[in-house]
Protein backbone atom coordinates (compact mmCIF):
# COMPACT_ATOMS: atom_id res chain seq x y z
CA MET A 1 0.00 0.00 0.00
CA LYS A 2 1.21 3.48 -0.86
CA LEU A 3 0.07 6.35 1.35
CA ILE A 4 -0.13 9.91 0.11
CA LEU A 5 -0.68 12.73 2.59
CA ALA A 6 -2.17 15.53 0.52
CA ALA A 7 -3.23 19.08 1.29
CA VAL A 8 -4.88 21.87 -0.64
CA LEU A 9 -3.04 25.02 0.26
CA ALA A 10 -2.70 28.01 -2.06
CA ARG A 11 0.92 29.07 -2.49
CA GLN A 12 0.35 32.50 -0.98
CA PHE A 13 -0.87 30.87 2.25
CA ARG A 14 1.94 28.34 2.62
CA SER A 15 4.02 29.26 5.60
CA LYS A 16 7.52 28.08 6.14
CA SER A 17 7.21 26.18 9.38
CA GLU A 18 10.49 24.37 9.77
CA ALA A 19 9.33 22.70 12.98
CA GLY A 20 6.10 21.49 11.37
CA ASP A 21 7.88 20.31 8.23
CA ARG A 22 10.44 18.42 10.34
CA LEU A 23 7.68 16.67 12.29
CA ILE A 24 5.81 15.71 9.14
CA ASP A 25 9.02 14.37 7.59
CA GLU A 26 9.86 12.46 10.77
CA TYR A 27 6.47 10.72 10.92
CA MET A 28 6.54 9.96 7.21
CA GLN A 29 10.00 8.39 7.57
CA ARG A 30 8.75 6.32 10.49
CA THR A 31 5.69 5.24 8.51
CA ALA A 32 7.97 4.20 5.63
CA ARG A 33 9.01 1.21 7.77
CA TYR A 34 5.50 -0.15 7.17
CA ALA A 35 4.38 1.36 3.85
CA THR A 36 5.54 3.80 1.20
CA CYS A 37 4.51 7.29 2.28
CA THR A 38 4.74 10.54 0.33
CA SER A 39 3.36 14.06 0.58
CA GLU A 40 1.66 16.21 -2.07
CA LEU A 41 0.58 19.85 -1.92
CA PHE A 42 -1.99 21.31 -4.31
CA ASP A 43 -2.90 24.89 -5.13
CA SER A 44 -6.58 24.07 -5.52
CA GLU A 45 -9.20 21.45 -4.82
CA ALA A 46 -9.66 21.00 -8.58
CA GLY A 47 -5.95 20.24 -8.93
CA LEU A 48 -6.13 17.60 -6.21
CA LEU A 49 -9.26 15.98 -7.69
CA THR A 50 -7.75 15.88 -11.18
CA TRP A 51 -4.55 14.34 -9.79
CA LEU A 52 -6.58 11.87 -7.74
CA ASP A 53 -8.50 10.64 -10.77
CA ARG A 54 -5.25 10.18 -12.72
CA GLN A 55 -3.66 7.84 -10.20
CA ALA A 56 -3.00 4.69 -12.21
CA GLY A 57 -3.32 1.19 -10.84
CA ARG A 58 -5.53 -1.85 -10.72
CA THR A 59 -7.96 0.03 -8.52
CA PRO A 60 -8.74 3.73 -8.07
CA ALA A 61 -7.01 5.51 -5.22
CA TYR A 62 -9.01 5.32 -2.00
CA ALA A 63 -9.65 8.92 -0.91
CA ILE A 64 -10.08 9.90 2.72
CA LEU A 65 -10.89 13.60 2.91
CA LEU A 66 -10.54 15.37 6.22
CA ASP A 67 -13.74 17.24 6.94
CA SER A 68 -15.21 18.62 10.16
CA ARG A 69 -18.48 16.80 9.37
CA GLY A 70 -16.70 13.49 8.83
CA GLN A 71 -16.52 10.32 10.89
CA GLN A 72 -14.50 10.56 14.10
CA TYR A 73 -12.37 7.55 15.04
CA SER A 74 -10.25 6.61 17.98
CA SER A 75 -6.64 5.79 17.06
CA GLU A 76 -7.48 2.08 17.28
CA GLU A 77 -10.52 2.46 15.03
CA PHE A 78 -8.48 4.45 12.51
CA ALA A 79 -5.81 1.72 12.54
CA GLY A 80 -8.51 -0.87 11.97
CA GLN A 81 -9.81 1.09 8.95
CA ILE A 82 -6.33 1.31 7.44
CA GLY A 83 -5.72 -2.36 8.17
CA ARG A 84 -8.95 -3.37 6.42
CA LEU A 85 -8.04 -1.28 3.38
CA ARG A 86 -4.52 -2.73 3.29
CA ASP A 87 -5.80 -6.29 3.67
CA ALA A 88 -8.42 -5.75 0.94
CA GLY A 89 -5.64 -4.87 -1.51
CA THR A 90 -5.96 -1.08 -1.63
CA GLN A 91 -2.95 0.08 -3.63
CA ARG A 92 -3.05 3.81 -2.92
CA LEU A 93 -4.56 5.54 0.07
CA VAL A 94 -4.84 9.31 -0.20
CA LEU A 95 -5.53 11.25 2.99
CA ALA A 96 -6.27 14.85 2.08
CA ILE A 97 -6.71 18.08 3.99
CA GLY A 98 -8.98 20.43 2.08
CA PRO A 99 -9.04 24.09 1.21
CA ALA A 100 -9.54 26.73 3.91
CA ASP A 101 -13.21 27.14 3.03
CA GLY A 102 -13.90 23.40 3.08
CA TRP A 103 -14.55 20.76 0.45
CA SER A 104 -17.04 21.35 -2.34
CA PRO A 105 -20.05 19.02 -2.65
CA ALA A 106 -18.34 17.36 -5.65
CA ALA A 107 -15.22 16.60 -3.60
CA ARG A 108 -17.28 15.30 -0.69
CA GLN A 109 -19.12 13.02 -3.12
CA ARG A 110 -15.82 11.77 -4.62
CA ALA A 111 -14.52 10.83 -1.17
CA ASP A 112 -14.53 7.21 -0.13
CA LEU A 113 -14.54 8.37 3.48
CA LEU A 114 -14.91 11.72 5.24
CA LEU A 115 -12.78 11.82 8.38
CA SER A 116 -12.76 14.40 11.15
CA LEU A 117 -9.80 14.95 13.46
CA GLY A 118 -12.24 16.53 15.89
CA ARG A 119 -14.55 19.49 16.19
CA MET A 120 -11.78 22.05 16.75
CA THR A 121 -10.40 24.01 13.82
CA LEU A 122 -6.68 23.46 13.20
CA PRO A 123 -4.33 25.37 10.93
CA HIS A 124 -3.30 23.33 7.88
CA GLN A 125 0.28 22.77 9.03
CA LEU A 126 -0.80 21.49 12.44
CA ALA A 127 -3.51 19.28 10.89
CA ARG A 128 -0.84 17.81 8.58
CA VAL A 129 1.37 17.02 11.59
CA VAL A 130 -1.53 15.41 13.49
CA LEU A 131 -2.52 13.39 10.42
CA ALA A 132 1.06 12.21 9.80
CA GLU A 133 1.40 11.16 13.44
CA GLN A 134 -1.92 9.31 13.43
CA VAL A 135 -0.99 7.43 10.27
CA TYR A 136 2.27 6.36 11.90
CA ARG A 137 0.40 5.44 15.09
CA ALA A 138 -2.08 3.37 13.06
CA PHE A 139 0.70 1.31 11.54
CA THR A 140 2.36 0.76 14.92
CA ILE A 141 -0.98 -0.43 16.32
CA LEU A 142 -1.38 -2.84 13.41
CA ALA A 143 2.17 -4.11 13.94
CA GLY A 144 1.77 -4.50 17.70
CA HIS A 145 4.57 -1.98 18.30
CA PRO A 146 4.65 -0.44 21.81
CA TYR A 147 4.52 3.17 20.50
CA HIS A 148 0.79 3.21 21.15
CA SER A 149 0.10 2.45 24.78
CA GLY A 150 -3.69 2.44 24.38
CA HIS A 151 -4.54 5.50 26.44
């Protein structure tokens, strides 16, 4: 399974957060022990959706869009979802953070799953860090690694 952490963030709003970028890179490198993991940034929702539809493979990319109205999971439930997708043969899993004004109805309809990190609003960079950490945590849970202590 290949994981792609994607975000829609217009260039003029991209901040240079060295600390955030280092954390994202660190969690992606840790996740790489379990699955290929990359990051993609898009200037617009349309750009992300076009890219998503062009992902080649036996099956379409499975798209999880982060949305405040989405399903909320515990870390264990999120790990279980990723494990089920992996075990079902999902080739590419795209986890995407949307534009500042939220996903369009077309994007929400294209999503295979809408996922919420919680009811609080987070800046894009912090949401990317949280998402990267939770993906890593999910894989450690699936592997039985002690990183996740269960509380």
